[in-house]
Amino acid sequence: MREPGRAFCALRLTDPERLGLVKLAMRNFWPGRILRSVQRIYLDQNKWIALARARAGHKEEAHLIEVLEAAHEAVGAGDASFPLSAQHYYETHLRGDPASRMHLALTMLDLSQYDAIAPPHVLVPYEIEVALIRQLQLPNDPPHAVQIFGKGANHVFNTKMFTYDAPAEYAGIHIPAELRAVATAYGSKWMEVMTLADLPPSETTRLKLNEHMRLTGSRFVSGQEDLRDRIAEIGRGRLEDAMTATAIADILDPLLAACERLGIDPGKLFAGGAKVLGPLVYDIPSRLVEREMRRLRHANPQKQWEDNDLNDVTALSIAVPYCDVVVTERQWAHLAGVAKLDRRFGTTVISDLRRLPELLKC
């Protein structure tokens, strides 16, 4: 069996059918996964909130009880997985009421079973290297495949800091190995709950978690507003070039690192301009999604950017290429359809949770 990375390198992303086959292979044969078809379903934060409200008995969300039950049934049967991303953690932490955060976290972890999707800073360097090899037709072997899906906050943030091991002794009393194993499992689960609910045991842990955020929502909004003004100056006919240029600027560090690993002269790469860099961005799955979402938003300059748009765009840039179903806000589902990202990646992108039970039967 070929590595997922090798299959991905041979893939032309303009062919949705072939992409769907490779996505199926990656889903079934990715390291650490059992050999069966598991639907990866990504829920936007507001969808998780709706399910949590249904779980709490809110009448306005009563119609989602059937959705929640169908989702649990599919997870229990091993047919579906609802991975969490870093953006779920960030957005959950924004809720002011600790009890509300705890209820939401328990809802998310109960359904997700701690399944997680890797962050962009893990996936993007791999995607870049694969795209460079393919676009420049290099003889280099593809990079080692990254693990897209895993378990818990450690996978979400690509760290080991959210790990709990019960002590070998307590108050001078030796703890038997069997009891330690039970305590470690119990403590690990509560660490996951406390991390997602933003109830860490120390301020140091909280500060370390926040260090994973390289950009704030307000900085993102400011950057997009500056870009909007710049596009107005140079003319909207340059929108495509502006989107490609900013997409490359966003990944400049990992792109230069990949060039060094592959023996590519970055000067020659950049000298090719949009004719070279445009197809390169289109061949980097997460960056293509991010670019297209921003492009379509900038195509309507009257639409104001909001702080939370950073989380949405970042989450969708990973969810759309690598999950099978994405349930998100109506505006993002619409833009994904307009950009034909759903067809390109073989992903069902919807905004209505009530459609989920039907999709889970597929």
Protein backbone atom coordinates (compact mmCIF):
# COMPACT_ATOMS: atom_id res chain seq x y z
CA MET A 1 0.00 0.00 0.00
CA ARG A 2 1.31 3.42 -0.91
CA GLU A 3 1.79 6.04 1.79
CA PRO A 4 -0.98 8.67 1.93
CA GLY A 5 1.69 11.26 1.18
CA ARG A 6 2.70 9.52 -2.05
CA ALA A 7 -0.89 9.22 -3.20
CA PHE A 8 -1.40 12.88 -2.37
CA CYS A 9 1.70 13.87 -4.35
CA ALA A 10 0.39 12.09 -7.44
CA LEU A 11 -3.00 13.77 -7.20
CA ARG A 12 -4.20 16.56 -9.43
CA LEU A 13 -6.45 18.66 -7.23
CA THR A 14 -8.53 19.71 -10.23
CA ASP A 15 -9.95 16.20 -10.39
CA PRO A 16 -12.64 15.90 -7.68
CA GLU A 17 -13.22 12.19 -8.23
CA ARG A 18 -9.58 11.28 -7.75
CA LEU A 19 -9.37 13.58 -4.73
CA GLY A 20 -12.36 11.83 -3.21
CA LEU A 21 -10.63 8.47 -3.60
CA VAL A 22 -7.45 9.72 -1.99
CA LYS A 23 -9.43 11.32 0.84
CA LEU A 24 -11.10 7.96 1.42
CA ALA A 25 -7.72 6.24 1.47
CA MET A 26 -6.32 8.80 3.91
CA ARG A 27 -9.38 8.43 6.13
CA ASN A 28 -9.16 4.64 6.19
CA PHE A 29 -5.43 4.01 6.22
CA TRP A 30 -3.94 7.01 8.01
CA PRO A 31 -1.54 5.87 10.76
CA GLY A 32 -3.39 5.02 13.94
CA ARG A 33 -6.76 4.52 12.24
CA ILE A 34 -8.58 1.22 11.88
CA LEU A 35 -9.33 -0.10 8.42
CA ARG A 36 -12.90 1.08 8.04
CA SER A 37 -14.77 4.03 6.65
CA VAL A 38 -15.27 6.74 9.26
CA GLN A 39 -17.00 9.98 8.34
CA ARG A 40 -15.11 12.98 9.68
CA ILE A 41 -17.67 15.63 10.55
CA TYR A 42 -16.57 19.12 11.52
CA LEU A 43 -19.02 21.30 13.42
CA ASP A 44 -18.60 25.05 13.65
CA GLN A 45 -18.62 26.42 17.21
CA ASN A 46 -22.14 27.79 16.91
CA LYS A 47 -23.37 24.32 15.96
CA TRP A 48 -21.78 22.86 19.07
CA ILE A 49 -23.49 25.57 21.12
CA ALA A 50 -26.85 24.66 19.56
CA LEU A 51 -26.33 20.99 20.42
CA ALA A 52 -25.33 21.89 23.98
CA ARG A 53 -28.51 23.92 24.36
CA ALA A 54 -30.56 21.00 23.04
CA ARG A 55 -28.81 18.71 25.54
CA ALA A 56 -29.69 21.15 28.32
CA GLY A 57 -33.38 21.03 27.36
CA HIS A 58 -33.82 24.47 25.75
CA LYS A 59 -37.15 24.40 23.93
CA GLU A 60 -35.92 26.47 20.98
CA GLU A 61 -33.34 23.78 20.20
CA ALA A 62 -35.63 20.79 20.85
CA HIS A 63 -35.62 19.96 17.14
CA LEU A 64 -31.90 19.12 17.48
CA ILE A 65 -32.41 16.29 19.98
CA GLU A 66 -32.85 13.89 17.05
CA VAL A 67 -29.64 15.23 15.52
CA LEU A 68 -27.70 14.72 18.74
CA GLU A 69 -29.02 11.19 19.17
CA ALA A 70 -28.18 10.26 15.58
CA ALA A 71 -24.68 11.66 16.00
CA HIS A 72 -24.08 9.67 19.19
CA GLU A 73 -25.38 6.53 17.53
CA ALA A 74 -23.02 6.96 14.58
CA VAL A 75 -20.06 7.60 16.88
CA GLY A 76 -20.94 4.57 19.00
CA ALA A 77 -21.08 2.40 15.88
CA GLY A 78 -17.66 3.66 14.77
CA ASP A 79 -19.13 5.23 11.64
CA ALA A 80 -18.56 8.91 12.49
CA SER A 81 -16.06 11.14 14.22
CA PHE A 82 -16.55 14.77 15.30
CA PRO A 83 -13.00 16.16 15.70
CA LEU A 84 -12.28 19.32 17.66
CA SER A 85 -9.84 21.98 16.50
CA ALA A 86 -7.84 24.69 18.24
CA GLN A 87 -10.51 27.18 17.24
CA HIS A 88 -13.07 25.30 19.34
CA TYR A 89 -10.87 25.80 22.37
CA TYR A 90 -10.30 29.49 21.68
CA GLU A 91 -13.98 30.21 21.14
CA THR A 92 -15.10 28.18 24.16
CA HIS A 93 -12.73 30.22 26.32
CA LEU A 94 -14.47 33.44 25.22
CA ARG A 95 -17.61 32.47 27.15
CA GLY A 96 -17.69 34.41 30.40
CA ASP A 97 -19.67 31.99 32.56
CA PRO A 98 -17.57 29.05 33.87
CA ALA A 99 -20.68 26.87 34.21
CA SER A 100 -21.59 27.58 30.58
CA ARG A 101 -18.06 26.70 29.45
CA MET A 102 -18.17 23.49 31.43
CA HIS A 103 -21.54 22.40 29.99
CA LEU A 104 -20.38 23.18 26.45
CA ALA A 105 -17.06 21.38 26.98
CA LEU A 106 -18.78 18.27 28.33
CA THR A 107 -21.15 18.24 25.34
CA MET A 108 -18.26 18.53 22.91
CA LEU A 109 -16.07 15.92 24.55
CA ASP A 110 -18.96 13.49 25.03
CA LEU A 111 -19.71 13.45 21.30
CA SER A 112 -16.18 13.93 19.96
CA GLN A 113 -14.73 11.30 22.31
CA TYR A 114 -11.62 13.53 22.37
CA ASP A 115 -11.08 13.17 18.60
CA ALA A 116 -9.05 16.08 17.28
CA ILE A 117 -7.72 17.58 14.07
CA ALA A 118 -4.18 18.89 13.72
CA PRO A 119 -3.54 22.66 13.62
CA PRO A 120 -2.42 24.59 10.54
CA HIS A 121 1.16 24.95 11.77
CA VAL A 122 1.48 21.16 11.56
CA LEU A 123 -0.34 20.60 8.27
CA VAL A 124 0.77 23.62 6.22
CA PRO A 125 4.52 22.80 6.03
CA TYR A 126 3.63 19.30 4.80
CA GLU A 127 1.17 20.68 2.24
CA ILE A 128 3.73 23.20 0.99
CA GLU A 129 6.42 20.58 0.46
CA VAL A 130 4.02 18.26 -1.37
CA ALA A 131 2.87 21.15 -3.60
CA LEU A 132 6.42 22.26 -4.42
CA ILE A 133 7.44 18.73 -5.42
CA ARG A 134 4.39 18.39 -7.64
CA GLN A 135 4.34 21.86 -9.17
CA LEU A 136 8.06 21.98 -9.92
CA GLN A 137 8.16 18.27 -10.85
CA LEU A 138 11.03 17.65 -8.46
CA PRO A 139 12.63 14.19 -8.10
CA ASN A 140 12.49 14.45 -4.29
CA ASP A 141 10.61 11.86 -2.29
CA PRO A 142 7.44 13.17 -0.67
CA PRO A 143 7.70 14.23 2.98
CA HIS A 144 6.67 11.89 5.74
CA ALA A 145 2.90 11.93 6.12
CA VAL A 146 1.58 13.95 9.04
CA GLN A 147 -1.11 12.66 11.36
CA ILE A 148 -4.15 14.75 10.59
CA PHE A 149 -6.45 13.21 13.18
CA GLY A 150 -5.58 12.28 16.73
CA LYS A 151 -6.77 12.58 20.30
CA GLY A 152 -7.11 15.41 22.78
CA ALA A 153 -5.64 18.84 23.38
CA ASN A 154 -2.10 17.59 22.81
CA HIS A 155 -2.98 16.78 19.19
CA VAL A 156 -4.98 19.98 18.74
CA PHE A 157 -2.01 22.12 19.76
CA ASN A 158 0.84 19.77 18.72
CA THR A 159 2.24 19.61 22.23
CA LYS A 160 2.68 17.22 25.15
CA MET A 161 1.92 19.72 27.88
CA PHE A 162 -1.63 18.46 28.43
CA THR A 163 -0.50 15.10 29.75
CA TYR A 164 -1.27 13.67 33.17
CA ASP A 165 0.52 10.78 34.87
CA ALA A 166 -0.51 9.72 38.36
CA PRO A 167 2.35 9.76 40.88
CA ALA A 168 4.04 6.55 41.94
CA GLU A 169 3.39 7.41 45.57
CA TYR A 170 1.25 9.74 47.63
CA ALA A 171 2.01 10.93 51.16
CA GLY A 172 4.78 8.38 51.34
CA ILE A 173 2.51 5.49 50.33
CA HIS A 174 3.35 3.48 47.21
CA ILE A 175 0.53 3.37 44.64
CA PRO A 176 0.14 0.01 42.84
CA ALA A 177 0.55 0.05 39.07
CA GLU A 178 -3.08 -0.96 38.47
CA LEU A 179 -4.36 1.89 40.63
CA ARG A 180 -1.97 4.34 39.00
CA ALA A 181 -3.31 3.35 35.58
CA VAL A 182 -6.88 4.03 36.71
CA ALA A 183 -5.88 7.36 38.29
CA THR A 184 -3.96 8.37 35.16
CA ALA A 185 -6.95 7.61 32.91
CA TYR A 186 -9.32 9.50 35.20
CA GLY A 187 -6.95 12.43 35.61
CA SER A 188 -6.27 12.61 31.87
CA LYS A 189 -9.98 12.89 31.11
CA TRP A 190 -10.43 15.67 33.64
CA MET A 191 -7.43 17.51 32.26
CA GLU A 192 -9.10 17.42 28.83
CA VAL A 193 -12.32 18.80 30.32
CA MET A 194 -10.54 21.52 32.27
CA THR A 195 -8.45 22.54 29.26
CA LEU A 196 -11.43 22.88 26.94
CA ALA A 197 -13.59 24.54 29.62
CA ASP A 198 -10.74 26.95 30.42
CA LEU A 199 -10.55 25.84 34.04
CA PRO A 200 -6.81 25.00 34.24
CA PRO A 201 -5.12 24.23 37.54
CA SER A 202 -2.73 27.15 37.21
CA GLU A 203 -2.36 30.48 35.46
CA THR A 204 0.88 29.18 33.90
CA THR A 205 -1.05 26.52 31.98
CA ARG A 206 -3.50 29.11 30.76
CA LEU A 207 -0.71 31.40 29.59
CA LYS A 208 1.03 28.55 27.74
CA LEU A 209 -2.20 27.67 25.97
CA ASN A 210 -2.69 31.27 24.85
CA GLU A 211 0.83 31.31 23.41
CA HIS A 212 -0.46 29.06 20.62
CA MET A 213 -2.40 32.01 19.22
CA ARG A 214 -0.12 33.91 16.83
CA LEU A 215 -2.74 36.38 15.69
CA THR A 216 -5.63 38.02 17.46
CA GLY A 217 -9.01 38.61 15.87
CA SER A 218 -8.56 42.37 16.00
CA ARG A 219 -5.21 42.21 14.18
CA PHE A 220 -6.77 39.99 11.53
CA VAL A 221 -9.63 42.45 11.00
CA SER A 222 -7.19 45.36 10.81
CA GLY A 223 -5.11 43.51 8.23
CA GLN A 224 -8.13 42.68 6.07
CA GLU A 225 -9.37 46.26 6.25
CA ASP A 226 -5.96 47.54 5.16
CA LEU A 227 -5.99 45.04 2.31
CA ARG A 228 -9.49 46.17 1.30
CA ASP A 229 -8.27 49.78 1.09
CA ARG A 230 -5.22 48.74 -0.90
CA ILE A 231 -7.35 46.81 -3.39
CA ALA A 232 -9.53 49.90 -3.81
CA GLU A 233 -6.39 51.88 -4.70
CA ILE A 234 -4.90 49.46 -7.22
CA GLY A 235 -8.25 48.47 -8.72
CA ARG A 236 -10.50 45.49 -8.18
CA GLY A 237 -9.12 43.92 -11.32
CA ARG A 238 -6.04 43.08 -9.24
CA LEU A 239 -8.04 41.19 -6.60
CA GLU A 240 -6.73 37.78 -7.69
CA ASP A 241 -3.10 38.95 -7.57
CA ALA A 242 -3.65 40.54 -4.16
CA MET A 243 -5.12 37.34 -2.76
CA THR A 244 -2.23 35.24 -4.07
CA ALA A 245 0.35 37.73 -2.76
CA THR A 246 -1.17 37.80 0.73
CA ALA A 247 -1.56 34.02 0.79
CA ILE A 248 2.16 33.66 0.00
CA ALA A 249 3.06 36.30 2.60
CA ASP A 250 1.12 34.37 5.24
CA ILE A 251 3.17 31.19 4.64
CA LEU A 252 6.49 32.82 3.84
CA ASP A 253 8.46 31.25 6.71
CA PRO A 254 7.39 27.62 6.12
CA LEU A 255 7.69 28.18 2.36
CA LEU A 256 11.30 29.34 2.68
CA ALA A 257 12.04 26.43 5.02
CA ALA A 258 10.59 23.98 2.48
CA CYS A 259 12.66 25.54 -0.29
CA GLU A 260 15.80 25.00 1.78
CA ARG A 261 14.92 21.37 2.49
CA LEU A 262 14.23 20.68 -1.19
CA GLY A 263 17.20 22.64 -2.56
CA ILE A 264 15.03 25.24 -4.32
CA ASP A 265 16.28 28.77 -5.00
CA PRO A 266 13.42 30.90 -3.58
CA GLY A 267 14.54 33.85 -5.69
CA LYS A 268 13.81 31.93 -8.87
CA LEU A 269 10.51 30.73 -7.42
CA PHE A 270 9.35 34.25 -6.64
CA ALA A 271 10.67 35.56 -9.98
CA GLY A 272 7.99 33.47 -11.64
CA GLY A 273 5.38 35.79 -10.16
CA ALA A 274 1.70 34.95 -10.27
CA LYS A 275 2.21 32.39 -13.06
CA VAL A 276 4.16 30.19 -10.64
CA LEU A 277 2.89 31.28 -7.23
CA GLY A 278 -0.79 31.19 -8.21
CA PRO A 279 -0.82 27.47 -9.13
CA LEU A 280 1.33 26.77 -6.07
CA VAL A 281 -1.26 28.28 -3.71
CA TYR A 282 -4.01 26.39 -5.52
CA ASP A 283 -2.09 23.17 -4.86
CA ILE A 284 -1.86 23.78 -1.09
CA PRO A 285 -5.28 22.60 0.17
CA SER A 286 -5.61 24.64 3.35
CA ARG A 287 -4.17 27.78 1.78
CA LEU A 288 -6.51 27.50 -1.20
CA VAL A 289 -9.54 27.39 1.11
CA GLU A 290 -8.23 30.34 3.13
CA ARG A 291 -7.48 32.31 -0.03
CA GLU A 292 -10.86 31.69 -1.61
CA MET A 293 -12.81 32.53 1.54
CA ARG A 294 -10.97 35.83 1.82
CA ARG A 295 -11.25 36.53 -1.91
CA LEU A 296 -15.01 36.16 -1.94
CA ARG A 297 -15.36 38.28 1.17
CA HIS A 298 -13.19 40.99 -0.42
CA ALA A 299 -15.29 40.77 -3.58
CA ASN A 300 -18.02 42.36 -1.44
CA PRO A 301 -16.19 45.28 0.24
CA GLN A 302 -19.39 46.46 1.94
CA LYS A 303 -19.33 43.36 4.15
CA GLN A 304 -17.44 44.24 7.33
CA TRP A 305 -14.84 41.90 8.77
CA GLU A 306 -15.37 40.77 12.36
CA ASP A 307 -12.94 39.54 15.03
CA ASN A 308 -14.32 36.01 14.92
CA ASP A 309 -13.71 35.72 11.17
CA LEU A 310 -10.10 34.73 11.89
CA ASN A 311 -11.24 31.64 13.80
CA ASP A 312 -13.79 30.76 11.13
CA VAL A 313 -11.38 31.05 8.20
CA THR A 314 -8.60 29.21 10.05
CA ALA A 315 -10.90 26.36 11.07
CA LEU A 316 -12.45 25.98 7.62
CA SER A 317 -9.05 26.00 5.92
CA ILE A 318 -8.33 22.66 7.62
CA ALA A 319 -11.84 21.24 7.92
CA VAL A 320 -12.92 21.59 4.29
CA PRO A 321 -9.96 19.73 2.71
CA TYR A 322 -9.70 16.96 5.30
CA CYS A 323 -13.17 16.28 6.69
CA ASP A 324 -16.09 14.67 4.90
CA VAL A 325 -18.84 16.92 6.20
CA VAL A 326 -18.54 20.50 7.44
CA VAL A 327 -21.45 22.21 9.19
CA THR A 328 -20.77 25.93 9.43
CA GLU A 329 -22.43 29.34 9.28
CA ARG A 330 -24.62 30.07 6.30
CA GLN A 331 -22.28 32.70 4.82
CA TRP A 332 -19.27 30.37 4.84
CA ALA A 333 -21.26 27.43 3.45
CA HIS A 334 -22.45 29.71 0.65
CA LEU A 335 -18.94 30.95 -0.13
CA ALA A 336 -17.57 27.39 -0.16
CA GLY A 337 -20.21 26.53 -2.74
CA VAL A 338 -19.52 29.62 -4.85
CA ALA A 339 -15.79 28.78 -4.88
CA LYS A 340 -16.66 25.12 -5.60
CA LEU A 341 -14.48 24.05 -2.71
CA ASP A 342 -17.00 21.35 -1.80
CA ARG A 343 -16.63 19.76 -5.25
CA ARG A 344 -12.89 20.23 -5.35
CA PHE A 345 -12.32 18.40 -2.07
CA GLY A 346 -15.27 16.04 -2.16
CA THR A 347 -16.64 17.58 1.04
CA THR A 348 -20.27 18.23 1.93
CA VAL A 349 -20.52 21.77 3.32
CA ILE A 350 -23.87 22.69 4.89
CA SER A 351 -25.28 25.17 7.39
CA ASP A 352 -28.33 23.28 8.69
CA LEU A 353 -27.68 20.74 11.44
CA ARG A 354 -31.01 19.08 10.69
CA ARG A 355 -29.46 17.58 7.55
CA LEU A 356 -26.89 15.67 9.58
CA PRO A 357 -28.91 12.51 10.36
CA GLU A 358 -29.53 12.02 6.64
CA LEU A 359 -25.81 12.39 5.88
CA LEU A 360 -24.86 10.02 8.68
CA LYS A 361 -26.82 7.28 6.94
CA CYS A 362 -24.75 7.58 3.78
